[in-house]
């Protein structure tokens, strides 16, 4: 697709620039065959406005009257893509990308969105690079039957809140199920999809049971899936314990390694359970499996768990290792791997989350600490990549929701086999590095913007 980027220039002094007239660079008007002095429709997000186009010898710019600019949410210096469709006489500029965020700290000028402020600024920089505008809004600004949205954007060196049209594309970065399931949020998403054909990606949290049940429908993925069920009763625990010496219980909606329980068979009839907590893992011994079940029954009433086969994972310096792949859709809408990192569990822990004292390393760095031969390490790396893409495509096929990025947690056992641990539809964006305007835009952020631009047909 040929793309044309324009800079938005807001000027009200010109004699012919009323709020129904826009001035477009001559070369662009000619390239797209935009008619002069004829009423056409200009679109930005869900906003439509009848305008007349005057061409002028300016360079790659669209000049707009201040009244029209504030009416549809354009600001000075915005860089957007532009195309003209002759069959509908529509001049479209955009895309307008909306990001649903959990919170706004209105009193904080430097970090209005808390830990993800740096990510929001990075999104803004990427939009400037690729030709798009991005706006950010929390649950309280989402309403049923919305025709506009009050949202934050970054321009001229600061964050400000304004009214914008409904975006072409919305990226759901709500970091709690509680926010996501609010009635107004669900209604807002339903309405904008139906009324404005807005594309929403990463529309929902995935839970562990849903992921394993969906992927099990695809025979080609069975090799990646440890035996795993929604935990229901003692009989299930007994059957699984007879098959596997180690079992894991994971809260189906948990994240950051919270609340995971490891059950390990000891010589004789006994079992040892490890419970994750912030300090590490609490250990408790039980004389029998019945005693384990009785001790857990209180927890099972409060929370649903996924019961999963324990794996004999590779270790680095005695600590378990797993891998997080970030798989995203980009400029052509196809899944691609943005990164895969190794994660080594902290000394007192059996889960590798950074929130639990884990540390990051490269895939080759993690595999170098194992006893695998060099050729085996190369083939494991290739299998990790293949698994990441196979699983992302499996989620897309088997789960009827729209995802543009997935965090896929994989493990490698001591025989070199690759296993799926879990899939996260809200991979972390927090960035605690100092706010520094010299920072580069990460590839993962560029992918999000390019995918949004692809979805919006720009």
Protein backbone atom coordinates (compact mmCIF):
# COMPACT_ATOMS: atom_id res chain seq x y z
CA UNK A 1 0.00 0.00 0.00
CA UNK A 2 1.37 3.43 -0.88
CA UNK A 3 1.43 5.62 2.17
CA UNK A 4 1.44 9.39 2.41
CA UNK A 5 2.34 11.10 5.67
CA UNK A 6 1.24 14.65 6.37
CA UNK A 7 2.02 17.07 9.16
CA UNK A 8 -1.04 18.81 10.65
CA UNK A 9 -0.73 22.57 10.62
CA UNK A 10 -3.36 24.60 12.49
CA UNK A 11 -3.78 28.15 11.16
CA UNK A 12 -6.67 30.52 11.24
CA UNK A 13 -5.22 33.66 9.72
CA UNK A 14 -5.55 32.79 6.05
CA UNK A 15 -8.29 34.58 4.07
CA UNK A 16 -9.75 31.38 2.64
CA UNK A 17 -9.32 29.08 5.64
CA UNK A 18 -12.72 28.78 7.31
CA UNK A 19 -13.72 25.68 9.28
CA UNK A 20 -14.99 24.03 6.10
CA UNK A 21 -11.82 24.52 4.05
CA UNK A 22 -8.54 22.64 4.38
CA UNK A 23 -5.30 23.31 2.52
CA UNK A 24 -3.43 20.28 1.20
CA UNK A 25 0.01 20.14 -0.41
CA UNK A 26 -0.33 20.28 -4.19
CA UNK A 27 1.81 17.19 -4.78
CA UNK A 28 -0.34 15.09 -2.41
CA UNK A 29 -3.62 16.39 -3.87
CA UNK A 30 -2.33 15.44 -7.32
CA UNK A 31 -1.03 12.02 -6.25
CA UNK A 32 -4.35 11.02 -4.65
CA UNK A 33 -6.49 12.88 -7.27
CA UNK A 34 -8.24 14.92 -4.58
CA UNK A 35 -10.71 17.30 -6.28
CA UNK A 36 -10.33 21.04 -5.61
CA UNK A 37 -13.16 23.27 -4.38
CA UNK A 38 -15.64 20.43 -4.23
CA UNK A 39 -17.34 19.23 -1.05
CA UNK A 40 -15.85 15.95 0.10
CA UNK A 41 -15.90 14.10 3.45
CA UNK A 42 -12.87 14.26 5.73
CA UNK A 43 -12.58 11.45 8.30
CA UNK A 44 -10.50 11.18 11.46
CA UNK A 45 -11.41 8.24 13.70
CA UNK A 46 -15.22 8.22 13.91
CA UNK A 47 -15.44 11.97 13.11
CA UNK A 48 -16.71 13.00 9.68
CA UNK A 49 -16.77 16.55 8.38
CA UNK A 50 -17.74 17.99 4.98
CA UNK A 51 -14.84 20.08 3.71
CA UNK A 52 -13.51 21.72 0.55
CA UNK A 53 -9.86 21.14 -0.33
CA UNK A 54 -7.65 23.91 -1.64
CA UNK A 55 -4.19 22.88 -2.84
CA UNK A 56 -1.11 24.99 -2.21
CA UNK A 57 2.63 24.75 -2.82
CA UNK A 58 3.41 23.54 0.70
CA UNK A 59 5.42 20.49 1.61
CA UNK A 60 3.56 17.40 2.99
CA UNK A 61 1.10 19.31 5.09
CA UNK A 62 -2.61 19.55 5.78
CA UNK A 63 -3.60 22.99 7.03
CA UNK A 64 -6.73 23.12 9.17
CA UNK A 65 -8.67 25.93 10.83
CA UNK A 66 -8.45 25.93 14.70
CA UNK A 67 -12.24 25.48 15.09
CA UNK A 68 -12.26 22.34 12.96
CA UNK A 69 -9.06 21.05 14.62
CA UNK A 70 -10.46 21.31 18.13
CA UNK A 71 -13.81 19.87 17.00
CA UNK A 72 -12.18 16.62 15.82
CA UNK A 73 -9.18 16.48 18.17
CA UNK A 74 -6.28 17.38 15.86
CA UNK A 75 -3.26 19.15 17.30
CA UNK A 76 -0.45 21.20 15.79
CA UNK A 77 2.44 19.09 14.50
CA UNK A 78 0.62 15.72 14.58
CA UNK A 79 1.98 13.40 11.86
CA UNK A 80 -0.69 11.24 10.24
CA UNK A 81 -1.22 9.03 7.22
CA UNK A 82 -3.64 10.20 4.56
CA UNK A 83 -5.54 8.53 1.74
CA UNK A 84 -8.40 9.52 -0.55
CA UNK A 85 -11.11 7.15 -1.81
CA UNK A 86 -12.69 8.47 -5.00
CA UNK A 87 -15.68 6.12 -4.91
CA UNK A 88 -16.85 7.57 -1.57
CA UNK A 89 -15.24 11.04 -1.95
CA UNK A 90 -13.60 10.50 1.45
CA UNK A 91 -10.28 11.96 2.58
CA UNK A 92 -9.17 9.87 5.60
CA UNK A 93 -6.43 10.92 8.00
CA UNK A 94 -5.16 8.76 10.82
CA UNK A 95 -5.12 6.23 12.27
CA UNK A 96 -6.38 7.34 15.66
CA UNK A 97 -5.30 4.67 18.16
CA UNK A 98 -6.89 4.45 21.59
CA UNK A 99 -5.23 2.68 24.53
CA UNK A 100 -7.37 1.60 27.49
CA UNK A 101 -5.31 2.09 30.66
CA UNK A 102 -6.13 1.25 34.27
CA UNK A 103 -5.44 4.48 36.13
CA UNK A 104 -4.67 8.15 35.81
CA UNK A 105 -2.85 10.03 38.57
CA UNK A 106 -4.07 13.49 37.64
CA UNK A 107 -1.84 15.20 40.23
CA UNK A 108 1.37 13.78 38.77
CA UNK A 109 2.61 15.84 35.83
CA UNK A 110 5.62 13.59 35.11
CA UNK A 111 4.01 10.20 35.63
CA UNK A 112 0.27 10.63 35.03
CA UNK A 113 -0.16 6.90 34.26
CA UNK A 114 2.16 5.57 36.96
CA UNK A 115 4.62 2.84 35.96
CA UNK A 116 3.41 2.71 32.34
CA UNK A 117 3.92 6.43 31.66
CA UNK A 118 7.23 5.75 29.86
CA UNK A 119 5.48 3.13 27.70
CA UNK A 120 2.72 5.66 26.83
CA UNK A 121 5.34 8.23 25.79
CA UNK A 122 7.11 5.55 23.75
CA UNK A 123 3.80 4.76 21.99
CA UNK A 124 3.47 8.48 21.19
CA UNK A 125 7.00 8.58 19.73
CA UNK A 126 6.34 5.46 17.64
CA UNK A 127 3.11 7.01 16.33
CA UNK A 128 5.03 10.10 15.25
CA UNK A 129 7.51 7.84 13.42
CA UNK A 130 4.86 5.76 11.61
CA UNK A 131 2.18 8.43 11.12
CA UNK A 132 -0.61 7.96 13.71
CA UNK A 133 -2.08 9.59 16.79
CA UNK A 134 -2.44 7.75 20.10
CA UNK A 135 -4.70 8.66 23.02
CA UNK A 136 -5.07 7.07 26.47
CA UNK A 137 -8.19 6.70 28.61
CA UNK A 138 -9.15 4.93 31.88
CA UNK A 139 -12.39 2.99 32.68
CA UNK A 140 -14.16 6.09 34.07
CA UNK A 141 -14.00 7.72 30.62
CA UNK A 142 -15.69 4.80 28.84
CA UNK A 143 -19.45 5.15 28.43
CA UNK A 144 -22.30 3.36 26.70
CA UNK A 145 -23.41 4.90 23.36
CA UNK A 146 -20.26 7.07 23.31
CA UNK A 147 -19.78 9.26 20.25
CA UNK A 148 -16.53 10.77 21.55
CA UNK A 149 -14.03 9.92 24.28
CA UNK A 150 -12.24 12.19 26.76
CA UNK A 151 -8.63 11.08 26.63
CA UNK A 152 -5.03 12.06 27.29
CA UNK A 153 -2.49 12.78 24.57
CA UNK A 154 1.07 14.06 24.54
CA UNK A 155 1.84 17.14 22.47
CA UNK A 156 4.15 20.13 22.72
CA UNK A 157 6.02 18.65 25.66
CA UNK A 158 3.17 17.78 28.01
CA UNK A 159 0.16 15.53 28.65
CA UNK A 160 -3.31 17.06 28.37
CA UNK A 161 -6.90 15.83 28.33
CA UNK A 162 -9.21 16.63 25.40
CA UNK A 163 -12.22 15.27 23.56
CA UNK A 164 -11.50 12.97 20.61
CA UNK A 165 -13.55 10.97 18.14
CA UNK A 166 -13.90 7.21 18.77
CA UNK A 167 -10.56 5.68 17.65
CA UNK A 168 -10.14 3.47 14.56
CA UNK A 169 -8.36 0.90 16.71
CA UNK A 170 -8.33 0.30 20.47
CA UNK A 171 -5.62 -1.60 22.37
CA UNK A 172 -6.76 -2.96 25.73
CA UNK A 173 -4.06 -2.45 28.36
CA UNK A 174 -6.36 -2.71 31.40
CA UNK A 175 -4.30 -4.55 33.98
CA UNK A 176 -7.07 -6.00 36.12
CA UNK A 177 -10.03 -8.23 35.40
CA UNK A 178 -12.06 -6.04 37.76
CA UNK A 179 -11.67 -3.01 35.46
CA UNK A 180 -12.15 -5.05 32.31
CA UNK A 181 -15.40 -6.62 33.55
CA UNK A 182 -17.02 -3.33 34.59
CA UNK A 183 -20.40 -2.92 32.89
CA UNK A 184 -19.52 0.46 31.35
CA UNK A 185 -16.24 -0.90 29.92
CA UNK A 186 -17.91 -3.97 28.38
CA UNK A 187 -20.74 -1.82 26.96
CA UNK A 188 -18.30 0.76 25.55
CA UNK A 189 -16.32 -1.97 23.74
CA UNK A 190 -19.50 -3.57 22.37
CA UNK A 191 -20.92 -0.23 21.19
CA UNK A 192 -17.81 1.09 19.41
CA UNK A 193 -17.32 -2.22 17.59
CA UNK A 194 -20.94 -2.25 16.42
CA UNK A 195 -21.37 1.45 15.64
CA UNK A 196 -17.98 2.52 14.30
CA UNK A 197 -16.42 -0.86 13.30
CA UNK A 198 -13.59 -0.04 15.73
CA UNK A 199 -11.10 -2.90 15.97
CA UNK A 200 -10.23 -3.83 19.57
CA UNK A 201 -7.28 -6.09 20.25
CA UNK A 202 -6.22 -7.95 23.39
CA UNK A 203 -9.86 -7.59 24.29
CA UNK A 204 -9.74 -9.85 27.32
CA UNK A 205 -7.69 -11.64 29.93
CA UNK A 206 -7.11 -15.32 29.29
CA UNK A 207 -7.38 -17.78 32.13
CA UNK A 208 -5.24 -20.92 32.38
CA UNK A 209 -8.11 -23.42 32.06
CA UNK A 210 -9.52 -21.67 28.99
CA UNK A 211 -6.09 -21.69 27.29
CA UNK A 212 -5.39 -25.39 27.85
CA UNK A 213 -8.93 -26.48 26.94
CA UNK A 214 -8.80 -24.43 23.71
CA UNK A 215 -5.35 -25.61 22.64
CA UNK A 216 -6.25 -29.24 23.36
CA UNK A 217 -8.74 -29.03 20.47
CA UNK A 218 -5.79 -28.79 18.07
CA UNK A 219 -4.04 -32.17 17.75
CA UNK A 220 -0.87 -30.57 16.38
CA UNK A 221 -0.35 -28.73 19.72
CA UNK A 222 -0.76 -31.72 22.06
CA UNK A 223 3.01 -32.28 22.25
CA UNK A 224 3.46 -28.88 23.97
CA UNK A 225 0.75 -29.35 26.59
CA UNK A 226 1.53 -30.82 30.01
CA UNK A 227 -1.40 -32.80 31.42
CA UNK A 228 -3.58 -30.10 32.93
CA UNK A 229 -7.16 -29.80 34.26
CA UNK A 230 -9.40 -27.46 36.20
CA UNK A 231 -8.95 -28.90 39.70
CA UNK A 232 -12.22 -30.38 40.94
CA UNK A 233 -11.85 -33.11 43.56
CA UNK A 234 -9.71 -35.57 45.47
CA UNK A 235 -10.13 -38.30 42.82
CA UNK A 236 -8.50 -36.02 40.20
CA UNK A 237 -5.59 -35.28 42.56
CA UNK A 238 -5.16 -39.01 43.25
CA UNK A 239 -5.19 -39.94 39.54
CA UNK A 240 -2.69 -37.20 38.63
CA UNK A 241 -0.41 -38.03 41.61
CA UNK A 242 -0.30 -41.66 40.46
CA UNK A 243 0.95 -40.51 37.05
CA UNK A 244 3.36 -37.69 37.96
CA UNK A 245 5.82 -37.38 40.88
CA UNK A 246 5.43 -33.58 40.94
CA UNK A 247 2.21 -31.57 40.46
CA UNK A 248 1.50 -27.83 40.35
CA UNK A 249 -1.64 -26.03 41.41
CA UNK A 250 -1.97 -22.60 39.80
CA UNK A 251 -4.76 -20.05 40.40
CA UNK A 252 -6.52 -19.89 37.03
CA UNK A 253 -6.59 -16.08 37.05
CA UNK A 254 -3.25 -15.53 38.78
CA UNK A 255 -0.24 -13.66 37.51
CA UNK A 256 3.31 -12.87 38.65
CA UNK A 257 3.64 -16.39 40.08
CA UNK A 258 1.25 -15.60 42.96
CA UNK A 259 -0.42 -18.44 44.84
CA UNK A 260 1.29 -21.34 43.05
CA UNK A 261 1.54 -24.60 45.05
CA UNK A 262 3.97 -27.41 44.21
CA UNK A 263 3.14 -30.91 45.46
CA UNK A 264 6.00 -33.44 45.44
CA UNK A 265 5.87 -37.16 46.26
CA UNK A 266 8.48 -38.26 48.81
CA UNK A 267 9.86 -41.79 49.24
CA UNK A 268 7.19 -43.77 51.13
CA UNK A 269 3.66 -42.36 51.40
CA UNK A 270 4.52 -38.75 52.25
CA UNK A 271 4.21 -35.51 50.25
CA UNK A 272 5.88 -32.11 50.49
CA UNK A 273 4.06 -28.93 49.44
CA UNK A 274 5.75 -25.63 48.60
CA UNK A 275 3.57 -22.49 48.67
CA UNK A 276 4.83 -19.34 46.91
CA UNK A 277 4.91 -16.13 48.92
CA UNK A 278 6.79 -12.85 48.55
CA UNK A 279 9.70 -14.03 50.68
CA UNK A 280 10.16 -17.24 48.69
CA UNK A 281 8.41 -20.53 49.28
CA UNK A 282 6.91 -21.97 52.47
CA UNK A 283 7.40 -25.72 52.83
CA UNK A 284 5.07 -28.14 54.57
CA UNK A 285 5.15 -31.96 54.82
CA UNK A 286 2.11 -34.24 54.86
CA UNK A 287 1.85 -37.95 55.74
CA UNK A 288 -0.52 -38.73 52.85
CA UNK A 289 -2.26 -37.34 49.79
CA UNK A 290 -5.55 -37.20 51.74
CA UNK A 291 -3.84 -34.91 54.26
CA UNK A 292 -2.61 -32.69 51.38
CA UNK A 293 -6.14 -32.44 49.99
CA UNK A 294 -7.63 -31.59 53.42
CA UNK A 295 -5.02 -28.84 53.94
CA UNK A 296 -5.84 -27.35 50.51
CA UNK A 297 -9.62 -27.59 50.68
CA UNK A 298 -10.00 -24.11 52.22
CA UNK A 299 -8.00 -22.55 49.39
CA UNK A 300 -10.05 -24.45 46.80
CA UNK A 301 -13.27 -22.89 48.09
CA UNK A 302 -11.84 -19.37 47.73
CA UNK A 303 -10.14 -19.74 44.34
CA UNK A 304 -10.25 -21.98 41.26
CA UNK A 305 -7.00 -23.79 40.44
CA UNK A 306 -5.51 -25.49 37.41
CA UNK A 307 -3.86 -28.82 38.32
CA UNK A 308 -0.84 -29.40 36.11
CA UNK A 309 1.78 -32.09 35.59
CA UNK A 310 5.10 -31.00 37.10
CA UNK A 311 8.02 -30.95 34.66
CA UNK A 312 11.66 -31.83 35.27
CA UNK A 313 12.98 -28.49 34.04
CA UNK A 314 16.49 -27.54 33.03
CA UNK A 315 18.31 -25.52 35.69
CA UNK A 316 20.98 -22.83 35.77
CA UNK A 317 23.20 -23.06 38.86
CA UNK A 318 20.54 -25.31 40.43
CA UNK A 319 17.64 -22.88 39.82
CA UNK A 320 14.77 -23.71 37.41
CA UNK A 321 14.76 -21.90 34.06
CA UNK A 322 11.87 -21.05 31.75
CA UNK A 323 11.37 -18.79 28.73
CA UNK A 324 9.03 -15.89 27.91
CA UNK A 325 8.34 -15.30 24.22
CA UNK A 326 6.68 -12.06 23.14
CA UNK A 327 4.73 -12.86 19.97
CA UNK A 328 3.06 -9.97 18.14
CA UNK A 329 1.24 -9.18 14.94
CA UNK A 330 2.85 -6.39 12.96
CA UNK A 331 2.58 -4.39 9.72
CA UNK A 332 1.12 -7.30 7.68
CA UNK A 333 -1.10 -8.74 10.42
CA UNK A 334 0.99 -11.94 10.67
CA UNK A 335 2.29 -13.36 13.96
CA UNK A 336 6.04 -12.91 14.49
CA UNK A 337 8.40 -13.34 17.42
CA UNK A 338 9.59 -10.01 18.82
CA UNK A 339 11.77 -11.50 21.57
CA UNK A 340 12.41 -14.60 23.66
CA UNK A 341 14.21 -14.32 26.99
CA UNK A 342 15.36 -16.89 29.54
CA UNK A 343 14.16 -16.44 33.13
CA UNK A 344 16.04 -18.01 36.02
CA UNK A 345 14.17 -18.51 39.30
CA UNK A 346 15.53 -16.79 42.43
CA UNK A 347 17.31 -18.97 44.98
CA UNK A 348 14.39 -19.38 47.38
CA UNK A 349 11.78 -19.71 44.66
CA UNK A 350 10.53 -22.30 42.22
CA UNK A 351 8.87 -19.80 39.85
CA UNK A 352 10.91 -17.49 37.63
CA UNK A 353 8.80 -14.30 37.65
CA UNK A 354 10.88 -11.16 38.17
CA UNK A 355 8.33 -10.19 40.84
CA UNK A 356 9.54 -13.28 42.70
CA UNK A 357 13.28 -12.52 42.55
CA UNK A 358 13.94 -14.14 39.17
CA UNK A 359 16.51 -12.79 36.71
CA UNK A 360 16.60 -12.42 32.92
CA UNK A 361 19.12 -13.86 30.50
CA UNK A 362 19.30 -14.60 26.78
CA UNK A 363 18.10 -17.97 25.45
CA UNK A 364 21.68 -18.91 24.53
CA UNK A 365 22.88 -17.72 27.96
CA UNK A 366 20.30 -19.91 29.74
CA UNK A 367 21.01 -22.97 27.58
CA UNK A 368 24.79 -22.52 27.96
CA UNK A 369 24.40 -23.28 31.69
CA UNK A 370 22.93 -26.73 30.89
CA UNK A 371 24.74 -29.93 29.92
CA UNK A 372 23.20 -29.98 26.41
CA UNK A 373 25.65 -30.29 23.52
CA UNK A 374 26.00 -27.26 21.25
CA UNK A 375 23.93 -28.82 18.40
CA UNK A 376 21.13 -29.69 20.85
CA UNK A 377 21.10 -26.10 22.14
CA UNK A 378 20.65 -24.83 18.57
CA UNK A 379 17.74 -27.20 17.93
CA UNK A 380 16.08 -26.32 21.28
CA UNK A 381 16.27 -22.61 20.32
CA UNK A 382 14.54 -23.39 17.00
CA UNK A 383 11.89 -25.47 18.81
CA UNK A 384 11.19 -22.61 21.26
CA UNK A 385 10.61 -20.30 18.28
CA UNK A 386 8.37 -22.81 16.50
CA UNK A 387 6.36 -23.48 19.69
CA UNK A 388 5.80 -19.73 20.24
CA UNK A 389 4.30 -19.23 16.78
CA UNK A 390 2.32 -22.50 16.80
CA UNK A 391 0.73 -21.59 20.15
CA UNK A 392 -0.08 -17.97 19.11
CA UNK A 393 -1.80 -19.28 15.96
CA UNK A 394 -3.60 -21.91 18.07
CA UNK A 395 -4.96 -19.21 20.40
CA UNK A 396 -6.11 -17.17 17.40
CA UNK A 397 -7.88 -20.18 15.86
CA UNK A 398 -9.42 -21.69 18.99
CA UNK A 399 -10.37 -18.63 21.09
CA UNK A 400 -12.97 -16.30 19.54
CA UNK A 401 -11.34 -13.04 20.66
CA UNK A 402 -8.92 -10.68 18.96
CA UNK A 403 -5.30 -10.64 20.17
CA UNK A 404 -2.41 -8.63 18.72
CA UNK A 405 0.26 -9.74 21.19
CA UNK A 406 0.75 -12.63 23.59
CA UNK A 407 3.33 -13.43 26.25
CA UNK A 408 3.96 -17.17 25.93
CA UNK A 409 5.73 -18.91 28.81
CA UNK A 410 7.62 -22.04 27.73
CA UNK A 411 9.81 -24.53 29.53
CA UNK A 412 12.41 -27.07 28.43
CA UNK A 413 12.73 -30.35 30.32
CA UNK A 414 15.95 -32.26 30.88
CA UNK A 415 15.39 -34.30 27.70
CA UNK A 416 15.22 -31.07 25.61
CA UNK A 417 11.44 -31.20 25.04
CA UNK A 418 9.60 -27.85 24.87
CA UNK A 419 6.44 -27.41 26.98
CA UNK A 420 3.83 -24.65 27.34
CA UNK A 421 3.46 -23.24 30.86
CA UNK A 422 0.95 -20.47 30.23
CA UNK A 423 -0.21 -17.71 27.87
CA UNK A 424 -0.58 -14.11 29.02
CA UNK A 425 -2.74 -11.69 27.01
CA UNK A 426 -1.43 -8.65 28.92
CA UNK A 427 2.38 -8.91 28.76
CA UNK A 428 3.98 -6.37 31.12
CA UNK A 429 4.77 -2.87 29.84
CA UNK A 430 6.00 -1.36 33.07
CA UNK A 431 9.27 0.38 32.72
CA UNK A 432 11.06 1.58 35.78
CA UNK A 433 14.00 3.08 33.92
CA UNK A 434 14.38 6.85 34.42
CA UNK A 435 12.32 8.97 32.06
CA UNK A 436 14.81 9.99 29.45
CA UNK A 437 13.94 11.57 26.12
CA UNK A 438 16.93 9.94 24.42
CA UNK A 439 15.52 6.44 24.89
CA UNK A 440 15.03 4.36 21.78
CA UNK A 441 11.61 3.02 20.84
CA UNK A 442 11.54 -0.72 21.58
CA UNK A 443 10.69 -3.08 18.68
CA UNK A 444 7.68 -4.36 20.67
CA UNK A 445 6.15 -0.85 20.71
CA UNK A 446 6.78 -0.32 16.99
CA UNK A 447 4.99 -3.62 16.29
CA UNK A 448 1.88 -2.50 18.20
CA UNK A 449 1.66 0.76 16.24
CA UNK A 450 2.27 -0.95 12.89
CA UNK A 451 -0.38 -3.57 13.66
CA UNK A 452 -2.89 -0.85 14.62
CA UNK A 453 -2.10 1.00 11.38
CA UNK A 454 -2.64 -2.26 9.43
CA UNK A 455 -6.02 -2.84 11.18
CA UNK A 456 -7.16 0.69 10.37
CA UNK A 457 -6.23 0.24 6.67
CA UNK A 458 -3.68 3.07 6.68
